[in-house]
C-alpha cells in the first residue's frame, strides 16, 4: 500500500523516502558493485580486500548503509527488519534482500548465497542441525556407559612423532561407498571403495608430509549386512582405542549422496578440483558438544588454510556415529558419489595439512 503526496512516496510502515533519491542511490550502488566486479576480475588485491570486508560484518554494514541509505531507515543495526513491508517491496522489485549485504556483493562477484551459507568463500561454515541423518541404527536402550570416554584436554597433545604411538585412527564404516564417475557405480559391495582410498591417502599424507603416525584400518564393516555397519565399526573403534590410548583423533571417512550435480560439492583450490568436506556430528550422547567443539576447531583452521574446502558442519539428532567413545571422534563426508576419486584424493591431501596444523598448534 503506497500513495503519492508532494512528489514523495509514503509506505504504510511509516517510512518515507524521496523517489528520485532512492532510485539515484540504488543506481549508484549498482554502478559501484559492477565496478568492484570489474576490478575483481583484473586484480587479486581488490578481491582480497573484498574478502576482508565480507569477513568484517560491522564494516560491511556501515559501507552498505553509506552507499544505500534506505537500508538503515527501518530497524537498527542490521538494516531493514526481516519481513518488513519495505524489505518485501524492494525484494519484489529487485530480487535483493537489503538486510543481507553479503548476498548483494555475492551476486556481483558471481557467488551464490548458498556458497556463503556453506562457508565456501568468506565466512566460517554453517552448522546445521537436522533430524536423523545418515542412519547408524542407534537404539537408546543399547546405550553403553561412558566410563571409557577418552577426553583429550585442549592443551594435552603429546609431542608429534612418527616413530611413537599412533595419534590418529582412520577407518571407514561404509567401505563400499565409492565415486561413480571414476568407478561406474556408487557402491562396490563387499569391497573397499573410493572412500577407503581417501582414508589411505589421508593416512599416508599424515605420515609422509607431517610425520604424524596414523593407524589406518581396512576392515570391512558394511558387508554382508549393511544394517550392522556401525555396530561392526564400533567394535573396531573400541578395540583400537583400548590398544592405543595415545590416539588423539578418530576419523570415519564417508562420501555423501543424493545431490544433483558434481558442482554441488566441488571447489577449486589453486589449480586443483577438490571435493567439499562435510563434518558430521551425532548428538545422541551426553558429551557430543566436545566433539562439536573439535569440529569447529578443524573448520576454523581449514577456512584459513583452504577457504571453501569445508562445506558445513552437520549435527544430527538420534545419531552417535561411534563418537561416544572419544572427544575428538568425527565423521567426514568427502564429496558425494558424483565427485571423481581425484576430487576426493585432492581434498584428503589438504585435510591432512589441516589435521596436522590442529595437532601441532
Protein backbone atom coordinates (compact mmCIF):
# COMPACT_ATOMS: atom_id res chain seq x y z
CA UNK A 1 0.00 0.00 0.00
CA UNK A 2 1.51 3.33 -1.01
CA UNK A 3 0.20 6.76 -2.11
CA UNK A 4 1.73 9.93 -3.57
CA UNK A 5 1.87 13.32 -1.95
CA UNK A 6 4.15 16.24 -2.88
CA UNK A 7 6.39 14.05 -5.02
CA UNK A 8 7.12 11.75 -2.09
CA UNK A 9 6.27 8.09 -1.68
CA UNK A 10 4.70 7.03 1.63
CA UNK A 11 4.71 3.42 2.76
CA UNK A 12 2.20 2.17 5.31
CA UNK A 13 5.13 1.23 7.56
CA UNK A 14 5.58 4.95 8.19
CA UNK A 15 8.99 5.12 6.44
CA UNK A 16 9.46 7.96 3.91
CA UNK A 17 11.96 8.45 1.12
CA UNK A 18 12.09 10.59 -1.94
CA UNK A 19 11.53 8.51 -5.02
CA UNK A 20 14.24 10.07 -7.10
CA UNK A 21 16.82 9.93 -4.35
CA UNK A 22 16.09 6.26 -3.75
CA UNK A 23 16.42 5.40 -7.44
CA UNK A 24 19.56 7.51 -7.75
CA UNK A 25 21.26 5.91 -4.77
CA UNK A 26 20.27 2.42 -5.89
CA UNK A 27 21.71 3.16 -9.33
CA UNK A 28 24.98 4.41 -7.82
CA UNK A 29 25.12 1.31 -5.66
CA UNK A 30 24.75 -0.93 -8.71
CA UNK A 31 27.48 1.02 -10.54
CA UNK A 32 29.80 0.70 -7.59
CA UNK A 33 29.26 -3.03 -7.34
CA UNK A 34 29.78 -3.53 -11.08
CA UNK A 35 32.98 -1.51 -10.79
CA UNK A 36 34.15 -3.77 -7.97
CA UNK A 37 33.32 -6.78 -10.11
CA UNK A 38 35.46 -5.49 -12.97
CA UNK A 39 38.32 -4.78 -10.60
CA UNK A 40 37.93 -8.23 -9.07
CA UNK A 41 38.32 -9.87 -12.45
CA UNK A 42 41.55 -7.99 -13.05
CA UNK A 43 43.11 -7.62 -9.63
CA UNK A 44 43.70 -10.22 -6.94
CA UNK A 45 44.43 -7.44 -4.45
CA UNK A 46 40.98 -5.91 -4.80
CA UNK A 47 39.39 -9.32 -4.43
CA UNK A 48 41.39 -9.91 -1.25
CA UNK A 49 40.19 -6.57 0.08
CA UNK A 50 36.61 -7.54 -0.69
CA UNK A 51 37.11 -10.81 1.16
CA UNK A 52 38.40 -8.94 4.19
CA UNK A 53 35.41 -6.62 4.11
CA UNK A 54 33.00 -9.53 3.92
CA UNK A 55 34.64 -11.04 6.97
CA UNK A 56 34.00 -7.80 8.89
CA UNK A 57 30.25 -7.70 9.44
CA UNK A 58 30.15 -4.25 11.07
CA UNK A 59 32.34 -2.67 8.42
CA UNK A 60 30.29 -4.25 5.65
CA UNK A 61 27.02 -2.95 7.06
CA UNK A 62 28.47 0.54 7.52
CA UNK A 63 29.68 0.72 3.91
CA UNK A 64 26.43 -0.73 2.62
CA UNK A 65 24.31 1.83 4.51
CA UNK A 66 26.50 4.67 3.23
CA UNK A 67 26.01 3.54 -0.35
CA UNK A 68 22.30 2.76 0.00
CA UNK A 69 20.87 4.74 2.96
CA UNK A 70 17.44 3.12 2.64
CA UNK A 71 18.96 0.04 4.28
CA UNK A 72 19.21 1.86 7.60
CA UNK A 73 15.87 3.68 7.55
CA UNK A 74 13.84 0.97 9.23
CA UNK A 75 15.05 -1.06 12.17
CA UNK A 76 18.54 -0.77 13.58
CA UNK A 77 21.97 -2.26 13.23
CA UNK A 78 21.43 -4.87 10.54
CA UNK A 79 19.37 -2.82 8.11
CA UNK A 80 15.73 -3.27 7.19
CA UNK A 81 13.89 -5.55 9.57
CA UNK A 82 13.38 -9.04 8.23
CA UNK A 83 9.84 -9.31 6.98
CA UNK A 84 9.13 -5.54 6.91
CA UNK A 85 6.93 -4.24 4.11
CA UNK A 86 9.76 -2.05 2.78
CA UNK A 87 12.12 -5.02 2.54
CA UNK A 88 9.48 -7.11 0.80
CA UNK A 89 8.80 -4.29 -1.65
CA UNK A 90 12.49 -3.90 -2.53
CA UNK A 91 12.85 -7.68 -2.79
CA UNK A 92 9.80 -7.98 -5.06
CA UNK A 93 11.13 -5.29 -7.42
CA UNK A 94 14.85 -6.08 -7.40
CA UNK A 95 15.21 -9.60 -6.04
CA UNK A 96 17.63 -8.25 -3.42
CA UNK A 97 17.22 -8.60 0.33
CA UNK A 98 18.54 -5.30 1.68
CA UNK A 99 19.26 -6.79 5.09
CA UNK A 100 21.77 -9.20 3.54
CA UNK A 101 24.70 -7.18 2.15
CA UNK A 102 26.74 -10.36 1.64
CA UNK A 103 24.12 -11.62 -0.78
CA UNK A 104 24.27 -8.38 -2.79
CA UNK A 105 28.06 -8.37 -3.09
CA UNK A 106 28.00 -12.08 -3.72
CA UNK A 107 25.69 -11.58 -6.68
CA UNK A 108 28.04 -9.00 -8.17
CA UNK A 109 31.01 -11.33 -7.65
CA UNK A 110 29.12 -14.21 -9.26
CA UNK A 111 28.95 -16.11 -5.96
CA UNK A 112 25.70 -17.68 -4.80
CA UNK A 113 24.20 -17.14 -1.36
CA UNK A 114 24.45 -20.92 -0.97
CA UNK A 115 28.22 -20.60 -1.30
CA UNK A 116 28.25 -18.12 1.57
CA UNK A 117 25.92 -20.32 3.61
CA UNK A 118 28.19 -23.33 3.48
CA UNK A 119 31.33 -21.39 4.20
CA UNK A 120 32.79 -21.80 0.73
CA UNK A 121 34.08 -18.26 0.44
CA UNK A 122 34.44 -15.74 3.21
CA UNK A 123 32.86 -16.96 6.41
CA UNK A 124 33.02 -19.92 8.69
CA UNK A 125 30.96 -22.94 7.76
CA UNK A 126 27.33 -23.13 8.68
CA UNK A 127 26.40 -25.53 11.44
CA UNK A 128 23.19 -27.34 10.50
CA UNK A 129 21.07 -29.29 12.93
CA UNK A 130 18.67 -31.82 11.49
CA UNK A 131 16.51 -34.74 12.45
CA UNK A 132 18.11 -38.08 11.73
CA UNK A 133 20.77 -38.01 9.07
CA UNK A 134 22.84 -40.90 7.83
CA UNK A 135 21.47 -43.93 9.65
CA UNK A 136 23.58 -45.62 12.27
CA UNK A 137 20.74 -47.76 13.69
CA UNK A 138 21.28 -46.47 17.17
CA UNK A 139 18.82 -47.73 19.78
CA UNK A 140 18.66 -45.69 23.02
CA UNK A 141 18.27 -48.83 25.16
CA UNK A 142 21.63 -50.02 23.85
CA UNK A 143 23.50 -47.06 25.30
CA UNK A 144 26.91 -48.09 26.54
CA UNK A 145 28.23 -46.47 29.67
CA UNK A 146 30.83 -43.78 29.11
CA UNK A 147 33.34 -44.95 31.68
CA UNK A 148 35.89 -45.36 28.91
CA UNK A 149 35.19 -41.94 27.35
CA UNK A 150 38.53 -40.51 26.26
CA UNK A 151 38.77 -36.80 26.88
CA UNK A 152 41.83 -35.06 25.46
CA UNK A 153 42.44 -31.66 27.13
CA UNK A 154 42.85 -28.75 24.72
CA UNK A 155 46.49 -28.41 25.77
CA UNK A 156 47.02 -32.14 26.15
CA UNK A 157 48.56 -33.07 22.82
CA UNK A 158 51.78 -35.05 23.26
CA UNK A 159 54.71 -34.14 21.00
CA UNK A 160 54.07 -35.16 17.40
CA UNK A 161 56.26 -38.10 16.45
CA UNK A 162 56.42 -40.59 13.62
CA UNK A 163 58.01 -43.49 15.45
CA UNK A 164 55.95 -43.33 18.61
CA UNK A 165 52.40 -44.47 19.28
CA UNK A 166 49.67 -43.75 16.70
CA UNK A 167 48.00 -40.37 17.12
CA UNK A 168 45.19 -40.73 14.56
CA UNK A 169 42.82 -43.59 13.79
CA UNK A 170 41.30 -43.58 10.30
CA UNK A 171 38.66 -46.07 9.16
CA UNK A 172 35.51 -46.47 7.03
CA UNK A 173 32.14 -47.57 8.38
CA UNK A 174 30.70 -47.79 4.86
CA UNK A 175 33.62 -49.27 2.98
CA UNK A 176 31.63 -49.90 -0.21
CA UNK A 177 30.97 -46.21 -0.86
CA UNK A 178 32.78 -45.01 -3.95
CA UNK A 179 32.74 -42.36 -6.69
CA UNK A 180 30.57 -43.07 -9.72
CA UNK A 181 32.46 -41.04 -12.38
CA UNK A 182 35.62 -42.98 -11.55
CA UNK A 183 34.22 -46.45 -10.85
CA UNK A 184 30.99 -46.53 -12.85
CA UNK A 185 28.99 -47.24 -9.71
CA UNK A 186 28.28 -45.67 -6.32
CA UNK A 187 28.94 -48.84 -4.29
CA UNK A 188 31.21 -51.85 -4.59
CA UNK A 189 29.60 -54.44 -2.32
CA UNK A 190 31.96 -56.43 -0.13
CA UNK A 191 34.99 -54.35 -1.13
CA UNK A 192 36.84 -51.24 -0.12
CA UNK A 193 35.68 -48.50 -2.47
CA UNK A 194 36.81 -44.97 -3.17
CA UNK A 195 36.32 -43.82 0.42
CA UNK A 196 38.91 -46.38 1.50
CA UNK A 197 41.38 -44.86 -0.99
CA UNK A 198 40.66 -41.46 0.54
CA UNK A 199 41.24 -42.85 4.04
CA UNK A 200 44.56 -44.38 2.95
CA UNK A 201 45.65 -41.20 1.18
CA UNK A 202 44.89 -39.18 4.30
CA UNK A 203 46.85 -41.62 6.46
CA UNK A 204 49.87 -41.64 4.15
CA UNK A 205 49.88 -37.84 3.94
CA UNK A 206 49.82 -37.53 7.72
CA UNK A 207 52.94 -39.67 7.97
CA UNK A 208 54.77 -38.66 4.78
CA UNK A 209 54.21 -34.90 4.96
CA UNK A 210 53.79 -34.30 8.67
CA UNK A 211 55.50 -37.18 10.48
CA UNK A 212 52.36 -37.94 12.47
CA UNK A 213 51.94 -41.67 13.00
CA UNK A 214 48.50 -42.74 11.77
CA UNK A 215 46.66 -46.00 12.17
CA UNK A 216 44.50 -47.00 9.21
CA UNK A 217 42.00 -49.85 9.46
CA UNK A 218 40.92 -51.55 6.23
CA UNK A 219 38.43 -53.86 7.98
CA UNK A 220 35.16 -54.07 6.01
CA UNK A 221 32.20 -53.18 8.23
CA UNK A 222 29.24 -52.91 5.84
CA UNK A 223 29.18 -56.44 4.40
CA UNK A 224 27.36 -58.81 4.33
CA UNK A 225 24.81 -56.86 6.41
CA UNK A 226 24.86 -53.11 5.73
CA UNK A 227 22.42 -52.55 8.62
CA UNK A 228 25.16 -53.62 11.04
CA UNK A 229 27.80 -51.27 9.66
CA UNK A 230 28.02 -49.04 12.71
CA UNK A 231 27.75 -51.94 15.13
CA UNK A 232 30.73 -53.54 13.39
CA UNK A 233 32.81 -50.37 13.14
CA UNK A 234 32.05 -49.66 16.80
CA UNK A 235 33.93 -52.81 17.71
CA UNK A 236 36.90 -51.68 15.63
CA UNK A 237 36.96 -48.26 17.29
CA UNK A 238 36.66 -49.67 20.80
CA UNK A 239 39.40 -52.25 20.29
CA UNK A 240 41.77 -49.72 18.69
CA UNK A 241 41.26 -47.19 21.46
CA UNK A 242 41.89 -49.84 24.09
CA UNK A 243 45.09 -50.92 22.37
CA UNK A 244 46.30 -47.41 21.53
CA UNK A 245 45.17 -44.92 24.21
CA UNK A 246 47.56 -42.37 22.67
CA UNK A 247 45.12 -41.74 19.79
CA UNK A 248 44.24 -38.04 19.55
CA UNK A 249 41.73 -38.16 16.67
CA UNK A 250 39.25 -40.75 15.40
CA UNK A 251 38.30 -40.21 11.75
CA UNK A 252 35.48 -42.06 9.95
CA UNK A 253 35.52 -41.28 6.22
CA UNK A 254 32.41 -41.42 4.01
CA UNK A 255 31.06 -39.71 0.93
CA UNK A 256 27.67 -38.03 0.55
CA UNK A 257 24.90 -38.97 -1.92
CA UNK A 258 21.58 -37.70 -3.26
CA UNK A 259 22.92 -34.47 -4.78
CA UNK A 260 22.01 -33.28 -8.25
CA UNK A 261 25.38 -32.21 -9.60
CA UNK A 262 29.08 -32.76 -9.03
CA UNK A 263 29.41 -28.98 -8.75
CA UNK A 264 27.27 -29.06 -5.60
CA UNK A 265 30.26 -30.47 -3.70
CA UNK A 266 33.13 -29.15 -5.80
CA UNK A 267 35.52 -26.31 -5.04
CA UNK A 268 38.57 -25.08 -6.94
CA UNK A 269 41.59 -24.58 -4.69
CA UNK A 270 44.65 -23.41 -6.54
CA UNK A 271 44.73 -25.45 -9.72
CA UNK A 272 43.02 -28.48 -8.17
CA UNK A 273 39.38 -29.57 -8.22
CA UNK A 274 38.50 -30.69 -4.70
CA UNK A 275 35.51 -32.41 -3.15
CA UNK A 276 33.98 -30.28 -0.42
CA UNK A 277 34.17 -31.87 3.01
CA UNK A 278 31.23 -32.02 5.39
CA UNK A 279 31.79 -32.75 9.09
CA UNK A 280 29.00 -34.73 10.76
CA UNK A 281 28.30 -34.85 14.49
CA UNK A 282 25.97 -37.27 16.27
CA UNK A 283 24.06 -35.63 19.12
CA UNK A 284 22.77 -38.74 20.90
CA UNK A 285 25.26 -38.96 23.74
CA UNK A 286 25.86 -36.72 26.76
CA UNK A 287 29.16 -35.17 25.66
CA UNK A 288 28.54 -34.51 21.98
CA UNK A 289 29.36 -30.82 22.39
CA UNK A 290 33.01 -31.73 22.92
CA UNK A 291 33.00 -33.42 19.51
CA UNK A 292 31.35 -30.33 18.03
CA UNK A 293 33.91 -28.01 19.60
CA UNK A 294 36.71 -30.00 17.99
CA UNK A 295 34.89 -30.00 14.63
CA UNK A 296 34.65 -26.22 14.80
CA UNK A 297 38.35 -26.01 15.59
CA UNK A 298 39.15 -28.04 12.47
CA UNK A 299 36.76 -25.97 10.39
CA UNK A 300 38.39 -22.72 11.52
CA UNK A 301 41.85 -23.95 10.53
CA UNK A 302 40.55 -25.22 7.19
CA UNK A 303 38.94 -21.87 6.39
CA UNK A 304 42.28 -20.13 6.95
CA UNK A 305 44.34 -22.64 5.01
CA UNK A 306 41.95 -23.74 2.24
CA UNK A 307 38.87 -21.47 2.04
CA UNK A 308 35.90 -23.33 0.62
CA UNK A 309 37.11 -26.83 1.46
CA UNK A 310 34.68 -27.31 4.35
CA UNK A 311 31.09 -27.44 3.18
CA UNK A 312 29.39 -27.35 6.58
CA UNK A 313 29.14 -28.96 9.99
CA UNK A 314 26.01 -31.09 10.34
CA UNK A 315 24.65 -32.02 13.76
CA UNK A 316 22.24 -34.96 13.66
CA UNK A 317 19.75 -35.88 16.36
CA UNK A 318 19.29 -39.53 17.37
CA UNK A 319 22.71 -40.45 15.98
CA UNK A 320 26.11 -41.18 17.51
CA UNK A 321 28.43 -42.38 14.73
CA UNK A 322 30.74 -44.03 17.32
CA UNK A 323 31.59 -40.58 18.67
CA UNK A 324 30.51 -41.57 22.18
CA UNK A 325 33.96 -43.06 22.84
CA UNK A 326 36.28 -40.13 22.18
CA UNK A 327 36.04 -36.34 22.46
CA UNK A 328 37.75 -35.98 19.09
CA UNK A 329 35.89 -38.59 17.07
CA UNK A 330 34.39 -37.14 13.88
CA UNK A 331 32.71 -38.30 10.68
CA UNK A 332 33.84 -36.69 7.42
CA UNK A 333 31.95 -36.79 4.11
CA UNK A 334 34.43 -36.26 1.26
CA UNK A 335 32.23 -35.02 -1.57
CA UNK A 336 29.39 -37.11 -2.97
CA UNK A 337 29.10 -40.12 -5.26
CA UNK A 338 29.08 -37.62 -8.16
CA UNK A 339 32.61 -36.41 -7.43
CA UNK A 340 35.58 -38.11 -9.03
CA UNK A 341 38.03 -40.10 -6.99
CA UNK A 342 40.68 -37.49 -7.82
CA UNK A 343 38.47 -34.72 -6.34
CA UNK A 344 38.33 -36.58 -3.03
CA UNK A 345 42.02 -37.51 -3.03
CA UNK A 346 42.96 -33.85 -3.52
CA UNK A 347 40.81 -32.99 -0.52
CA UNK A 348 42.45 -35.72 1.54
CA UNK A 349 45.88 -34.18 0.99
CA UNK A 350 44.59 -30.79 2.14
CA UNK A 351 42.71 -32.15 5.14
CA UNK A 352 45.92 -33.86 6.23
CA UNK A 353 47.52 -30.40 6.33
CA UNK A 354 44.59 -29.13 8.37
CA UNK A 355 44.74 -32.01 10.86
CA UNK A 356 48.48 -31.55 11.25
CA UNK A 357 48.03 -27.82 11.91
CA UNK A 358 45.50 -28.59 14.64
CA UNK A 359 47.66 -31.27 16.24
CA UNK A 360 50.80 -29.14 16.11
CA UNK A 361 49.09 -25.92 17.18
